[in-house]
Amino acid sequence: MNVVNEQYIHQYQHFFDNALHEFVEQFLTFMETTNKGVRYFFVGNGASAAIASHLAVDFSKALGIRASTFHDPVLLTCFGNDYGYDHWVAEAVKLYGNSDDVLILISSSGQSKNIVNAAKAARAKGLKVIALTGPNPDPILIEESAVMLRVDSHIYNVIECSHMIALCAVVDSCKMITLPNYSLELVE
């Protein structure tokens, strides 16, 4: 059992050692160069949709950034029915997104057609794309993304938890920069 635990923990350690810091730094730099007042749209499927919802609230409440998702059941089922599931997010981007807004796409596989199509629609409309994926995202998603986090694991729970940690680290880093009393000291 220890070998399994060590291999599993190694997946996270690899993420912490190789990807987390670089992603947070790139994201913070991206935020510094992005116009104030733009909206951030978070999108994902399944567990990634839950992460998207959580982070949209954190960006809004903790950072004062206008952020939301497209996961309203009526919007999702209407657009899914009318445009097909592969295109519902792209159509939502076309309707709600404005030039210079930010679309954050979260996909463990990086292959979901609705996520890849959303990236194409975002770029065509002038939105900036940030993508969080697993190890083998679709080349279009790579090409369309201004900032990308690839988690080098094939374990979806590791990928999803790493996405959550990375985005929460962005929020906490912003809070550390703007709130002088915000501390990350360990509680003893």
Protein backbone atom coordinates (compact mmCIF):
# COMPACT_ATOMS: atom_id res chain seq x y z
CA MET A 1 0.00 0.00 0.00
CA ASN A 2 2.88 2.42 0.67
CA VAL A 3 4.10 2.11 -2.93
CA VAL A 4 0.67 3.13 -4.21
CA ASN A 5 0.50 6.05 -1.79
CA GLU A 6 4.00 7.20 -2.72
CA GLN A 7 3.24 7.02 -6.45
CA TYR A 8 -0.01 8.91 -5.93
CA ILE A 9 1.59 11.62 -3.79
CA HIS A 10 4.40 11.88 -6.34
CA GLN A 11 1.82 13.03 -8.90
CA TYR A 12 1.03 16.06 -6.72
CA GLN A 13 4.67 16.66 -5.82
CA HIS A 14 5.53 16.77 -9.52
CA PHE A 15 2.80 19.39 -10.01
CA PHE A 16 4.04 21.50 -7.08
CA ASP A 17 7.66 21.24 -8.18
CA ASN A 18 7.18 21.80 -11.91
CA ALA A 19 4.00 23.63 -12.83
CA LEU A 20 2.28 25.52 -10.03
CA HIS A 21 4.67 28.43 -9.51
CA GLU A 22 5.13 29.09 -13.23
CA PHE A 23 1.36 29.06 -13.85
CA VAL A 24 0.62 31.44 -10.98
CA GLU A 25 3.35 33.84 -12.12
CA GLN A 26 2.10 33.76 -15.72
CA PHE A 27 -1.49 34.29 -14.58
CA LEU A 28 -0.54 37.25 -12.36
CA THR A 29 1.45 38.82 -15.20
CA PHE A 30 -1.52 38.25 -17.50
CA MET A 31 -3.83 39.98 -15.00
CA GLU A 32 -1.48 42.98 -14.77
CA THR A 33 -1.64 43.46 -18.54
CA THR A 34 -5.38 42.91 -18.85
CA ASN A 35 -7.74 45.88 -18.90
CA LYS A 36 -9.50 46.51 -15.64
CA GLY A 37 -13.26 46.01 -15.80
CA VAL A 38 -13.22 43.07 -18.19
CA ARG A 39 -15.23 40.00 -17.29
CA TYR A 40 -13.81 36.59 -16.54
CA PHE A 41 -15.90 33.63 -17.68
CA PHE A 42 -15.07 30.22 -16.18
CA VAL A 43 -16.16 27.06 -18.01
CA GLY A 44 -15.74 23.32 -17.51
CA ASN A 45 -17.59 20.01 -17.72
CA GLY A 46 -18.51 17.85 -14.73
CA ALA A 47 -16.07 18.34 -11.84
CA SER A 48 -14.37 21.06 -13.88
CA ALA A 49 -17.70 22.92 -13.96
CA ALA A 50 -17.78 22.75 -10.15
CA ILE A 51 -14.26 24.20 -10.04
CA ALA A 52 -15.35 26.89 -12.51
CA SER A 53 -18.30 27.87 -10.33
CA HIS A 54 -16.20 27.97 -7.18
CA LEU A 55 -13.49 30.13 -8.74
CA ALA A 56 -15.94 32.52 -10.41
CA VAL A 57 -17.28 33.28 -6.94
CA ASP A 58 -13.76 33.61 -5.48
CA PHE A 59 -12.64 35.98 -8.23
CA SER A 60 -15.77 38.08 -7.70
CA LYS A 61 -15.91 38.11 -3.91
CA ALA A 62 -12.23 38.03 -2.97
CA LEU A 63 -10.77 40.03 -5.86
CA GLY A 64 -13.62 42.27 -6.97
CA ILE A 65 -13.40 40.97 -10.54
CA ARG A 66 -16.60 40.48 -12.50
CA ALA A 67 -16.63 36.73 -13.00
CA SER A 68 -19.29 34.19 -13.87
CA THR A 69 -19.97 30.86 -15.53
CA PHE A 70 -22.30 29.70 -18.28
CA HIS A 71 -23.56 26.74 -16.25
CA ASP A 72 -27.10 27.95 -15.73
CA PRO A 73 -29.23 24.85 -16.46
CA VAL A 74 -31.63 26.74 -18.71
CA LEU A 75 -28.83 28.28 -20.78
CA LEU A 76 -26.96 24.99 -21.00
CA THR A 77 -30.00 22.94 -22.04
CA CYS A 78 -31.34 25.58 -24.43
CA PHE A 79 -28.01 26.15 -26.18
CA GLY A 80 -27.18 22.44 -26.05
CA ASN A 81 -30.49 21.64 -27.71
CA ASP A 82 -30.32 24.41 -30.31
CA TYR A 83 -26.61 24.33 -31.20
CA GLY A 84 -25.50 20.86 -30.03
CA TYR A 85 -23.46 20.07 -26.94
CA ASP A 86 -20.17 20.50 -28.84
CA HIS A 87 -21.09 24.13 -29.63
CA TRP A 88 -23.15 25.41 -26.68
CA VAL A 89 -20.19 27.09 -24.93
CA ALA A 90 -18.98 28.71 -28.16
CA GLU A 91 -22.45 30.15 -28.73
CA ALA A 92 -22.56 31.47 -25.13
CA VAL A 93 -19.17 33.10 -25.68
CA LYS A 94 -20.44 34.74 -28.87
CA LEU A 95 -23.52 36.08 -27.06
CA TYR A 96 -22.07 37.16 -23.72
CA GLY A 97 -18.37 37.79 -24.34
CA ASN A 98 -16.84 41.09 -25.35
CA SER A 99 -13.46 41.83 -26.83
CA ASP A 100 -10.76 41.70 -24.13
CA ASP A 101 -12.90 39.63 -21.74
CA VAL A 102 -11.19 36.51 -20.41
CA LEU A 103 -12.38 32.93 -20.90
CA ILE A 104 -10.94 30.39 -18.47
CA LEU A 105 -11.40 26.87 -19.81
CA ILE A 106 -10.96 23.94 -17.43
CA SER A 107 -10.77 20.46 -18.96
CA SER A 108 -9.04 17.43 -17.48
CA SER A 109 -8.65 15.87 -20.91
CA GLY A 110 -8.14 19.09 -22.83
CA GLN A 111 -9.98 17.30 -25.63
CA SER A 112 -13.64 18.15 -24.93
CA LYS A 113 -15.13 19.46 -28.16
CA ASN A 114 -17.25 22.10 -26.42
CA ILE A 115 -14.12 23.48 -24.71
CA VAL A 116 -12.00 23.45 -27.89
CA ASN A 117 -14.81 25.12 -29.88
CA ALA A 118 -15.19 27.73 -27.13
CA ALA A 119 -11.49 28.59 -27.43
CA LYS A 120 -11.86 29.15 -31.17
CA ALA A 121 -14.97 31.29 -30.70
CA ALA A 122 -13.28 33.32 -27.97
CA ARG A 123 -10.26 34.14 -30.07
CA ALA A 124 -12.46 35.05 -33.06
CA LYS A 125 -14.37 37.50 -30.86
CA GLY A 126 -11.24 38.93 -29.22
CA LEU A 127 -11.48 37.29 -25.81
CA LYS A 128 -8.29 36.09 -24.16
CA VAL A 129 -8.13 32.41 -23.27
CA ILE A 130 -6.58 30.71 -20.26
CA ALA A 131 -6.70 26.91 -20.27
CA LEU A 132 -6.15 24.33 -17.54
CA THR A 133 -5.83 20.79 -18.86
CA GLY A 134 -4.30 17.38 -18.41
CA PRO A 135 -1.16 16.20 -20.20
CA ASN A 136 -2.43 15.99 -23.80
CA PRO A 137 -4.67 18.90 -24.75
CA ASP A 138 -5.99 19.45 -28.25
CA PRO A 139 -3.46 21.47 -30.31
CA ILE A 140 -6.10 24.12 -30.98
CA LEU A 141 -6.48 24.71 -27.24
CA ILE A 142 -2.71 25.13 -26.93
CA GLU A 143 -2.60 27.55 -29.86
CA GLU A 144 -5.52 29.69 -28.65
CA SER A 145 -4.38 30.04 -25.02
CA ALA A 146 -2.51 33.05 -23.68
CA VAL A 147 -1.77 31.13 -20.48
CA MET A 148 -1.94 27.36 -20.06
CA LEU A 149 -1.53 24.88 -17.24
CA ARG A 150 -0.94 21.27 -18.25
CA VAL A 151 -0.99 18.83 -15.37
CA ASP A 152 1.27 15.89 -16.22
CA SER A 153 -0.89 13.11 -14.82
CA HIS A 154 -3.39 10.64 -16.20
CA ILE A 155 -5.33 10.51 -12.92
CA TYR A 156 -8.35 12.77 -13.27
CA ASN A 157 -8.64 13.44 -9.54
CA VAL A 158 -5.03 14.64 -9.49
CA ILE A 159 -5.65 16.84 -12.53
CA GLU A 160 -8.87 18.32 -11.13
CA CYS A 161 -7.44 18.95 -7.66
CA SER A 162 -4.35 20.54 -9.23
CA HIS A 163 -6.56 22.86 -11.27
CA MET A 164 -8.39 23.89 -8.11
CA ILE A 165 -5.13 24.44 -6.20
CA ALA A 166 -3.64 26.48 -9.06
CA LEU A 167 -6.62 28.81 -9.39
CA CYS A 168 -6.95 29.21 -5.62
CA ALA A 169 -3.23 30.04 -5.52
CA VAL A 170 -3.89 32.84 -8.01
CA VAL A 171 -6.63 34.24 -5.75
CA ASP A 172 -4.49 33.98 -2.62
CA SER A 173 -1.48 35.51 -4.38
CA CYS A 174 -3.59 38.47 -5.44
CA LYS A 175 -4.84 38.85 -1.89
CA MET A 176 -1.27 38.76 -0.54
CA ILE A 177 -0.29 41.53 -2.97
CA THR A 178 -3.25 43.78 -2.17
CA LEU A 179 -3.91 43.06 1.52
CA PRO A 180 -0.92 43.76 3.76
CA ASN A 181 -2.28 41.69 6.67
CA TYR A 182 -3.15 38.63 4.57
CA SER A 183 -0.86 35.88 5.79
CA LEU A 184 -0.01 32.42 4.59
CA GLU A 185 1.83 31.50 7.78
CA LEU A 186 1.19 27.98 9.01
CA VAL A 187 -1.00 27.68 12.06
CA GLU A 188 0.86 25.82 14.76
